[in-house]
Amino acid sequence: MDGSDGRIVVLVVIAVILFAVGRRFQRTMDTWAGWGKAVKAAADAAEKIPGARSAAWAAVRSMIVVGLGALILFAVVANAIRFG
């Protein structure tokens, strides 16, 4: 594989990773906003808060895991470019 072909593959991999992380971030922000709205309506809907809060924290934990995975993948790709 030529150097230019390798760069194109790396760009495609990075684009896919950024898309996946962006979608996960968007979902996390939407879930977090939903939790914020649930907290504001706590007087009327106290039973909704625990489910929304746990969903928001699950989304945050998921975003952290995906972010760490993306960081590791970037490190592997950078190493592959450096030594390839």
PDB file of N, CA and C in Angstrom:
ATOM      1  N   MET A   1       0.848  -1.175   0.000  1.00  0.00           N
ATOM      2  CA  MET A   1       0.000   0.000   0.000  1.00  0.00           C
ATOM      3  C   MET A   1       0.893   1.237   0.000  1.00  0.00           C
ATOM      4  N   ASP A   2       0.599   2.154  -0.909  1.00  0.00           N
ATOM      5  CA  ASP A   2       1.355   3.405  -0.984  1.00  0.00           C
ATOM      6  C   ASP A   2       1.158   4.232   0.266  1.00  0.00           C
ATOM      7  N   GLY A   3       2.016   5.227   0.421  1.00  0.00           N
ATOM      8  CA  GLY A   3       1.876   6.147   1.540  1.00  0.00           C
ATOM      9  C   GLY A   3       0.589   6.945   1.446  1.00  0.00           C
ATOM     10  N   SER A   4       0.207   7.336   0.212  1.00  0.00           N
ATOM     11  CA  SER A   4      -1.017   8.118   0.053  1.00  0.00           C
ATOM     12  C   SER A   4      -2.250   7.265   0.317  1.00  0.00           C
ATOM     13  N   ASP A   5      -2.221   5.972  -0.066  1.00  0.00           N
ATOM     14  CA  ASP A   5      -3.344   5.087   0.224  1.00  0.00           C
ATOM     15  C   ASP A   5      -3.496   4.908   1.730  1.00  0.00           C
ATOM     16  N   GLY A   6      -2.393   4.781   2.401  1.00  0.00           N
ATOM     17  CA  GLY A   6      -2.429   4.634   3.858  1.00  0.00           C
ATOM     18  C   GLY A   6      -3.000   5.864   4.530  1.00  0.00           C
ATOM     19  N   ARG A   7      -2.639   7.023   4.019  1.00  0.00           N
ATOM     20  CA  ARG A   7      -3.167   8.263   4.597  1.00  0.00           C
ATOM     21  C   ARG A   7      -4.666   8.360   4.395  1.00  0.00           C
ATOM     22  N   ILE A   8      -5.145   7.932   3.233  1.00  0.00           N
ATOM     23  CA  ILE A   8      -6.587   7.971   2.963  1.00  0.00           C
ATOM     24  C   ILE A   8      -7.318   7.027   3.906  1.00  0.00           C
ATOM     25  N   VAL A   9      -6.771   5.853   4.112  1.00  0.00           N
ATOM     26  CA  VAL A   9      -7.391   4.898   5.033  1.00  0.00           C
ATOM     27  C   VAL A   9      -7.407   5.481   6.448  1.00  0.00           C
ATOM     28  N   VAL A  10      -6.328   6.104   6.850  1.00  0.00           N
ATOM     29  CA  VAL A  10      -6.256   6.713   8.174  1.00  0.00           C
ATOM     30  C   VAL A  10      -7.296   7.821   8.287  1.00  0.00           C
ATOM     31  N   LEU A  11      -7.436   8.645   7.254  1.00  0.00           N
ATOM     32  CA  LEU A  11      -8.437   9.713   7.287  1.00  0.00           C
ATOM     33  C   LEU A  11      -9.844   9.148   7.383  1.00  0.00           C
ATOM     34  N   VAL A  12     -10.127   8.084   6.662  1.00  0.00           N
ATOM     35  CA  VAL A  12     -11.449   7.466   6.724  1.00  0.00           C
ATOM     36  C   VAL A  12     -11.699   6.900   8.117  1.00  0.00           C
ATOM     37  N   VAL A  13     -10.705   6.246   8.693  1.00  0.00           N
ATOM     38  CA  VAL A  13     -10.850   5.684  10.046  1.00  0.00           C
ATOM     39  C   VAL A  13     -11.085   6.806  11.047  1.00  0.00           C
ATOM     40  N   ILE A  14     -10.321   7.873  10.946  1.00  0.00           N
ATOM     41  CA  ILE A  14     -10.493   9.001  11.864  1.00  0.00           C
ATOM     42  C   ILE A  14     -11.869   9.630  11.688  1.00  0.00           C
ATOM     43  N   ALA A  15     -12.341   9.768  10.450  1.00  0.00           N
ATOM     44  CA  ALA A  15     -13.665  10.348  10.205  1.00  0.00           C
ATOM     45  C   ALA A  15     -14.762   9.486  10.823  1.00  0.00           C
ATOM     46  N   VAL A  16     -14.649   8.180  10.688  1.00  0.00           N
ATOM     47  CA  VAL A  16     -15.648   7.285  11.267  1.00  0.00           C
ATOM     48  C   VAL A  16     -15.617   7.375  12.797  1.00  0.00           C
ATOM     49  N   ILE A  17     -14.433   7.427  13.360  1.00  0.00           N
ATOM     50  CA  ILE A  17     -14.311   7.543  14.819  1.00  0.00           C
ATOM     51  C   ILE A  17     -14.923   8.855  15.300  1.00  0.00           C
ATOM     52  N   LEU A  18     -14.592   9.948  14.616  1.00  0.00           N
ATOM     53  CA  LEU A  18     -15.143  11.243  15.015  1.00  0.00           C
ATOM     54  C   LEU A  18     -16.661  11.269  14.891  1.00  0.00           C
ATOM     55  N   PHE A  19     -17.200  10.633  13.860  1.00  0.00           N
ATOM     56  CA  PHE A  19     -18.647  10.567  13.697  1.00  0.00           C
ATOM     57  C   PHE A  19     -19.284   9.809  14.861  1.00  0.00           C
ATOM     58  N   ALA A  20     -18.713   8.661  15.202  1.00  0.00           N
ATOM     59  CA  ALA A  20     -19.266   7.847  16.289  1.00  0.00           C
ATOM     60  C   ALA A  20     -19.183   8.590  17.623  1.00  0.00           C
ATOM     61  N   VAL A  21     -18.052   9.222  17.886  1.00  0.00           N
ATOM     62  CA  VAL A  21     -17.892   9.971  19.136  1.00  0.00           C
ATOM     63  C   VAL A  21     -18.836  11.170  19.157  1.00  0.00           C
ATOM     64  N   GLY A  22     -19.003  11.835  18.028  1.00  0.00           N
ATOM     65  CA  GLY A  22     -19.926  12.973  17.947  1.00  0.00           C
ATOM     66  C   GLY A  22     -21.362  12.563  18.206  1.00  0.00           C
ATOM     67  N   ARG A  23     -21.775  11.433  17.632  1.00  0.00           N
ATOM     68  CA  ARG A  23     -23.137  10.942  17.868  1.00  0.00           C
ATOM     69  C   ARG A  23     -23.325  10.593  19.339  1.00  0.00           C
ATOM     70  N   ARG A  24     -22.330   9.967  19.940  1.00  0.00           N
ATOM     71  CA  ARG A  24     -22.417   9.601  21.353  1.00  0.00           C
ATOM     72  C   ARG A  24     -22.474  10.853  22.222  1.00  0.00           C
ATOM     73  N   PHE A  25     -21.676  11.866  21.854  1.00  0.00           N
ATOM     74  CA  PHE A  25     -21.691  13.125  22.597  1.00  0.00           C
ATOM     75  C   PHE A  25     -23.056  13.792  22.490  1.00  0.00           C
ATOM     76  N   GLN A  26     -23.628  13.797  21.277  1.00  0.00           N
ATOM     77  CA  GLN A  26     -24.947  14.398  21.077  1.00  0.00           C
ATOM     78  C   GLN A  26     -25.996  13.673  21.917  1.00  0.00           C
ATOM     79  N   ARG A  27     -25.938  12.355  21.934  1.00  0.00           N
ATOM     80  CA  ARG A  27     -26.891  11.576  22.724  1.00  0.00           C
ATOM     81  C   ARG A  27     -26.705  11.855  24.219  1.00  0.00           C
ATOM     82  N   THR A  28     -25.448  12.001  24.653  1.00  0.00           N
ATOM     83  CA  THR A  28     -25.177  12.310  26.055  1.00  0.00           C
ATOM     84  C   THR A  28     -25.754  13.668  26.428  1.00  0.00           C
ATOM     85  N   MET A  29     -25.550  14.650  25.576  1.00  0.00           N
ATOM     86  CA  MET A  29     -26.069  15.988  25.868  1.00  0.00           C
ATOM     87  C   MET A  29     -27.598  15.993  25.899  1.00  0.00           C
ATOM     88  N   ASP A  30     -28.237  15.285  24.993  1.00  0.00           N
ATOM     89  CA  ASP A  30     -29.694  15.203  24.987  1.00  0.00           C
ATOM     90  C   ASP A  30     -30.210  14.526  26.251  1.00  0.00           C
ATOM     91  N   THR A  31     -29.551  13.452  26.653  1.00  0.00           N
ATOM     92  CA  THR A  31     -29.956  12.744  27.863  1.00  0.00           C
ATOM     93  C   THR A  31     -29.749  13.615  29.094  1.00  0.00           C
ATOM     94  N   TRP A  32     -28.622  14.324  29.128  1.00  0.00           N
ATOM     95  CA  TRP A  32     -28.326  15.209  30.260  1.00  0.00           C
ATOM     96  C   TRP A  32     -29.356  16.331  30.347  1.00  0.00           C
ATOM     97  N   ALA A  33     -29.733  16.892  29.204  1.00  0.00           N
ATOM     98  CA  ALA A  33     -30.761  17.942  29.194  1.00  0.00           C
ATOM     99  C   ALA A  33     -32.093  17.384  29.671  1.00  0.00           C
ATOM    100  N   GLY A  34     -32.398  16.157  29.291  1.00  0.00           N
ATOM    101  CA  GLY A  34     -33.623  15.521  29.756  1.00  0.00           C
ATOM    102  C   GLY A  34     -33.628  15.366  31.264  1.00  0.00           C
ATOM    103  N   TRP A  35     -32.464  15.039  31.838  1.00  0.00           N
ATOM    104  CA  TRP A  35     -32.376  14.922  33.285  1.00  0.00           C
ATOM    105  C   TRP A  35     -32.581  16.290  33.939  1.00  0.00           C
ATOM    106  N   GLY A  36     -31.995  17.324  33.335  1.00  0.00           N
ATOM    107  CA  GLY A  36     -32.165  18.675  33.882  1.00  0.00           C
ATOM    108  C   GLY A  36     -33.621  19.097  33.897  1.00  0.00           C
ATOM    109  N   LYS A  37     -34.355  18.776  32.834  1.00  0.00           N
ATOM    110  CA  LYS A  37     -35.784  19.101  32.792  1.00  0.00           C
ATOM    111  C   LYS A  37     -36.559  18.306  33.832  1.00  0.00           C
ATOM    112  N   ALA A  38     -36.149  17.064  34.041  1.00  0.00           N
ATOM    113  CA  ALA A  38     -36.826  16.236  35.040  1.00  0.00           C
ATOM    114  C   ALA A  38     -36.607  16.775  36.451  1.00  0.00           C
ATOM    115  N   VAL A  39     -35.400  17.279  36.717  1.00  0.00           N
ATOM    116  CA  VAL A  39     -35.114  17.843  38.032  1.00  0.00           C
ATOM    117  C   VAL A  39     -35.950  19.096  38.266  1.00  0.00           C
ATOM    118  N   LYS A  40     -36.121  19.924  37.229  1.00  0.00           N
ATOM    119  CA  LYS A  40     -36.929  21.146  37.365  1.00  0.00           C
ATOM    120  C   LYS A  40     -38.389  20.823  37.651  1.00  0.00           C
ATOM    121  N   ALA A  41     -38.847  19.707  37.131  1.00  0.00           N
ATOM    122  CA  ALA A  41     -40.238  19.316  37.352  1.00  0.00           C
ATOM    123  C   ALA A  41     -40.370  18.339  38.515  1.00  0.00           C
ATOM    124  N   ALA A  42     -39.417  18.349  39.437  1.00  0.00           N
ATOM    125  CA  ALA A  42     -39.394  17.373  40.533  1.00  0.00           C
ATOM    126  C   ALA A  42     -40.630  17.462  41.418  1.00  0.00           C
ATOM    127  N   ALA A  43     -41.149  18.642  41.600  1.00  0.00           N
ATOM    128  CA  ALA A  43     -42.326  18.790  42.462  1.00  0.00           C
ATOM    129  C   ALA A  43     -43.525  18.047  41.869  1.00  0.00           C
ATOM    130  N   ASP A  44     -43.616  18.036  40.547  1.00  0.00           N
ATOM    131  CA  ASP A  44     -44.755  17.393  39.888  1.00  0.00           C
ATOM    132  C   ASP A  44     -44.505  15.921  39.558  1.00  0.00           C
ATOM    133  N   ALA A  45     -43.269  15.556  39.350  1.00  0.00           N
ATOM    134  CA  ALA A  45     -42.964  14.200  38.889  1.00  0.00           C
ATOM    135  C   ALA A  45     -41.762  13.629  39.626  1.00  0.00           C
ATOM    136  N   ALA A  46     -41.865  13.462  40.918  1.00  0.00           N
ATOM    137  CA  ALA A  46     -40.735  12.992  41.719  1.00  0.00           C
ATOM    138  C   ALA A  46     -40.307  11.581  41.324  1.00  0.00           C
ATOM    139  N   GLU A  47     -41.216  10.776  40.813  1.00  0.00           N
ATOM    140  CA  GLU A  47     -40.857   9.411  40.449  1.00  0.00           C
ATOM    141  C   GLU A  47     -40.032   9.323  39.175  1.00  0.00           C
ATOM    142  N   LYS A  48     -39.970  10.390  38.385  1.00  0.00           N
ATOM    143  CA  LYS A  48     -39.186  10.368  37.147  1.00  0.00           C
ATOM    144  C   LYS A  48     -37.696  10.630  37.379  1.00  0.00           C
ATOM    145  N   ILE A  49     -37.365  11.266  38.481  1.00  0.00           N
ATOM    146  CA  ILE A  49     -35.984  11.713  38.700  1.00  0.00           C
ATOM    147  C   ILE A  49     -34.977  10.562  38.770  1.00  0.00           C
ATOM    148  N   PRO A  50     -35.208   9.513  39.559  1.00  0.00           N
ATOM    149  CA  PRO A  50     -34.179   8.462  39.631  1.00  0.00           C
ATOM    150  C   PRO A  50     -33.886   7.816  38.274  1.00  0.00           C
ATOM    151  N   GLY A  51     -34.921   7.550  37.476  1.00  0.00           N
ATOM    152  CA  GLY A  51     -34.689   6.944  36.164  1.00  0.00           C
ATOM    153  C   GLY A  51     -33.936   7.869  35.230  1.00  0.00           C
ATOM    154  N   ALA A  52     -34.293   9.139  35.211  1.00  0.00           N
ATOM    155  CA  ALA A  52     -33.612  10.093  34.334  1.00  0.00           C
ATOM    156  C   ALA A  52     -32.175  10.326  34.796  1.00  0.00           C
ATOM    157  N   ARG A  53     -31.977  10.392  36.100  1.00  0.00           N
ATOM    158  CA  ARG A  53     -30.626  10.613  36.624  1.00  0.00           C
ATOM    159  C   ARG A  53     -29.723   9.426  36.314  1.00  0.00           C
ATOM    160  N   SER A  54     -30.224   8.232  36.511  1.00  0.00           N
ATOM    161  CA  SER A  54     -29.390   7.068  36.221  1.00  0.00           C
ATOM    162  C   SER A  54     -29.111   6.959  34.729  1.00  0.00           C
ATOM    163  N   ALA A  55     -30.080   7.330  33.891  1.00  0.00           N
ATOM    164  CA  ALA A  55     -29.849   7.317  32.442  1.00  0.00           C
ATOM    165  C   ALA A  55     -28.798   8.357  32.052  1.00  0.00           C
ATOM    166  N   ALA A  56     -28.859   9.532  32.691  1.00  0.00           N
ATOM    167  CA  ALA A  56     -27.877  10.585  32.382  1.00  0.00           C
ATOM    168  C   ALA A  56     -26.470  10.150  32.803  1.00  0.00           C
ATOM    169  N   TRP A  57     -26.342   9.569  33.987  1.00  0.00           N
ATOM    170  CA  TRP A  57     -25.022   9.127  34.427  1.00  0.00           C
ATOM    171  C   TRP A  57     -24.522   7.957  33.591  1.00  0.00           C
ATOM    172  N   ALA A  58     -25.432   7.084  33.171  1.00  0.00           N
ATOM    173  CA  ALA A  58     -25.033   5.989  32.286  1.00  0.00           C
ATOM    174  C   ALA A  58     -24.525   6.537  30.964  1.00  0.00           C
ATOM    175  N   ALA A  59     -25.175   7.589  30.454  1.00  0.00           N
ATOM    176  CA  ALA A  59     -24.727   8.202  29.213  1.00  0.00           C
ATOM    177  C   ALA A  59     -23.353   8.853  29.389  1.00  0.00           C
ATOM    178  N   VAL A  60     -23.128   9.481  30.520  1.00  0.00           N
ATOM    179  CA  VAL A  60     -21.823  10.113  30.782  1.00  0.00           C
ATOM    180  C   VAL A  60     -20.730   9.041  30.882  1.00  0.00           C
ATOM    181  N   ARG A  61     -21.023   7.961  31.612  1.00  0.00           N
ATOM    182  CA  ARG A  61     -20.037   6.876  31.703  1.00  0.00           C
ATOM    183  C   ARG A  61     -19.754   6.283  30.327  1.00  0.00           C
ATOM    184  N   SER A  62     -20.793   6.124  29.539  1.00  0.00           N
ATOM    185  CA  SER A  62     -20.626   5.588  28.188  1.00  0.00           C
ATOM    186  C   SER A  62     -19.770   6.530  27.341  1.00  0.00           C
ATOM    187  N   MET A  63     -19.984   7.834  27.481  1.00  0.00           N
ATOM    188  CA  MET A  63     -19.200   8.815  26.721  1.00  0.00           C
ATOM    189  C   MET A  63     -17.736   8.755  27.140  1.00  0.00           C
ATOM    190  N   ILE A  64     -17.480   8.562  28.416  1.00  0.00           N
ATOM    191  CA  ILE A  64     -16.099   8.458  28.891  1.00  0.00           C
ATOM    192  C   ILE A  64     -15.435   7.215  28.306  1.00  0.00           C
ATOM    193  N   VAL A  65     -16.158   6.096  28.303  1.00  0.00           N
ATOM    194  CA  VAL A  65     -15.608   4.858  27.753  1.00  0.00           C
ATOM    195  C   VAL A  65     -15.330   5.012  26.257  1.00  0.00           C
ATOM    196  N   VAL A  66     -16.278   5.595  25.528  1.00  0.00           N
ATOM    197  CA  VAL A  66     -16.080   5.779  24.087  1.00  0.00           C
ATOM    198  C   VAL A  66     -14.932   6.748  23.824  1.00  0.00           C
ATOM    199  N   GLY A  67     -14.842   7.815  24.622  1.00  0.00           N
ATOM    200  CA  GLY A  67     -13.739   8.766  24.479  1.00  0.00           C
ATOM    201  C   GLY A  67     -12.388   8.126  24.726  1.00  0.00           C
ATOM    202  N   LEU A  68     -12.301   7.305  25.763  1.00  0.00           N
ATOM    203  CA  LEU A  68     -11.044   6.606  26.035  1.00  0.00           C
ATOM    204  C   LEU A  68     -10.713   5.628  24.915  1.00  0.00           C
ATOM    205  N   GLY A  69     -11.732   4.952  24.404  1.00  0.00           N
ATOM    206  CA  GLY A  69     -11.514   4.040  23.273  1.00  0.00           C
ATOM    207  C   GLY A  69     -11.007   4.778  22.053  1.00  0.00           C
ATOM    208  N   ALA A  70     -11.604   5.944  21.772  1.00  0.00           N
ATOM    209  CA  ALA A  70     -11.162   6.747  20.631  1.00  0.00           C
ATOM    210  C   ALA A  70      -9.729   7.229  20.838  1.00  0.00           C
ATOM    211  N   LEU A  71      -9.394   7.620  22.065  1.00  0.00           N
ATOM    212  CA  LEU A  71      -8.041   8.069  22.362  1.00  0.00           C
ATOM    213  C   LEU A  71      -7.031   6.944  22.148  1.00  0.00           C
ATOM    214  N   ILE A  72      -7.374   5.748  22.594  1.00  0.00           N
ATOM    215  CA  ILE A  72      -6.487   4.603  22.391  1.00  0.00           C
ATOM    216  C   ILE A  72      -6.336   4.305  20.907  1.00  0.00           C
ATOM    217  N   LEU A  73      -7.446   4.357  20.172  1.00  0.00           N
ATOM    218  CA  LEU A  73      -7.387   4.093  18.734  1.00  0.00           C
ATOM    219  C   LEU A  73      -6.545   5.150  18.008  1.00  0.00           C
ATOM    220  N   PHE A  74      -6.688   6.415  18.401  1.00  0.00           N
ATOM    221  CA  PHE A  74      -5.849   7.461  17.817  1.00  0.00           C
ATOM    222  C   PHE A  74      -4.376   7.198  18.095  1.00  0.00           C
ATOM    223  N   ALA A  75      -4.071   6.745  19.309  1.00  0.00           N
ATOM    224  CA  ALA A  75      -2.678   6.450  19.666  1.00  0.00           C
ATOM    225  C   ALA A  75      -2.148   5.309  18.816  1.00  0.00           C
ATOM    226  N   VAL A  76      -2.978   4.280  18.583  1.00  0.00           N
ATOM    227  CA  VAL A  76      -2.550   3.160  17.758  1.00  0.00           C
ATOM    228  C   VAL A  76      -2.317   3.602  16.327  1.00  0.00           C
ATOM    229  N   VAL A  77      -3.227   4.417  15.788  1.00  0.00           N
ATOM    230  CA  VAL A  77      -3.083   4.911  14.412  1.00  0.00           C
ATOM    231  C   VAL A  77      -1.844   5.795  14.296  1.00  0.00           C
ATOM    232  N   ALA A  78      -1.629   6.667  15.292  1.00  0.00           N
ATOM    233  CA  ALA A  78      -0.441   7.526  15.252  1.00  0.00           C
ATOM    234  C   ALA A  78       0.839   6.701  15.314  1.00  0.00           C
ATOM    235  N   ASN A  79       0.844   5.657  16.127  1.00  0.00           N
ATOM    236  CA  ASN A  79       1.994   4.766  16.180  1.00  0.00           C
ATOM    237  C   ASN A  79       2.206   4.051  14.853  1.00  0.00           C
ATOM    238  N   ALA A  80       1.105   3.627  14.235  1.00  0.00           N
ATOM    239  CA  ALA A  80       1.196   2.930  12.956  1.00  0.00           C
ATOM    240  C   ALA A  80       1.780   3.847  11.874  1.00  0.00           C
ATOM    241  N   ILE A  81       1.377   5.103  11.912  1.00  0.00           N
ATOM    242  CA  ILE A  81       1.900   6.075  10.928  1.00  0.00           C
ATOM    243  C   ILE A  81       3.381   6.332  11.203  1.00  0.00           C
ATOM    244  N   ARG A  82       3.707   6.484  12.478  1.00  0.00           N
ATOM    245  CA  ARG A  82       5.085   6.809  12.845  1.00  0.00           C
ATOM    246  C   ARG A  82       6.044   5.681  12.501  1.00  0.00           C
ATOM    247  N   PHE A  83       5.646   4.455  12.733  1.00  0.00           N
ATOM    248  CA  PHE A  83       6.537   3.328  12.498  1.00  0.00           C
ATOM    249  C   PHE A  83       6.268   2.641  11.160  1.00  0.00           C
ATOM    250  N   GLY A  84       5.219   3.084  10.430  1.00  0.00           N
ATOM    251  CA  GLY A  84       4.846   2.408   9.178  1.00  0.00           C
ATOM    252  C   GLY A  84       5.535   2.864   7.973  1.00  0.00           C
TER     253      GLY A  84
END
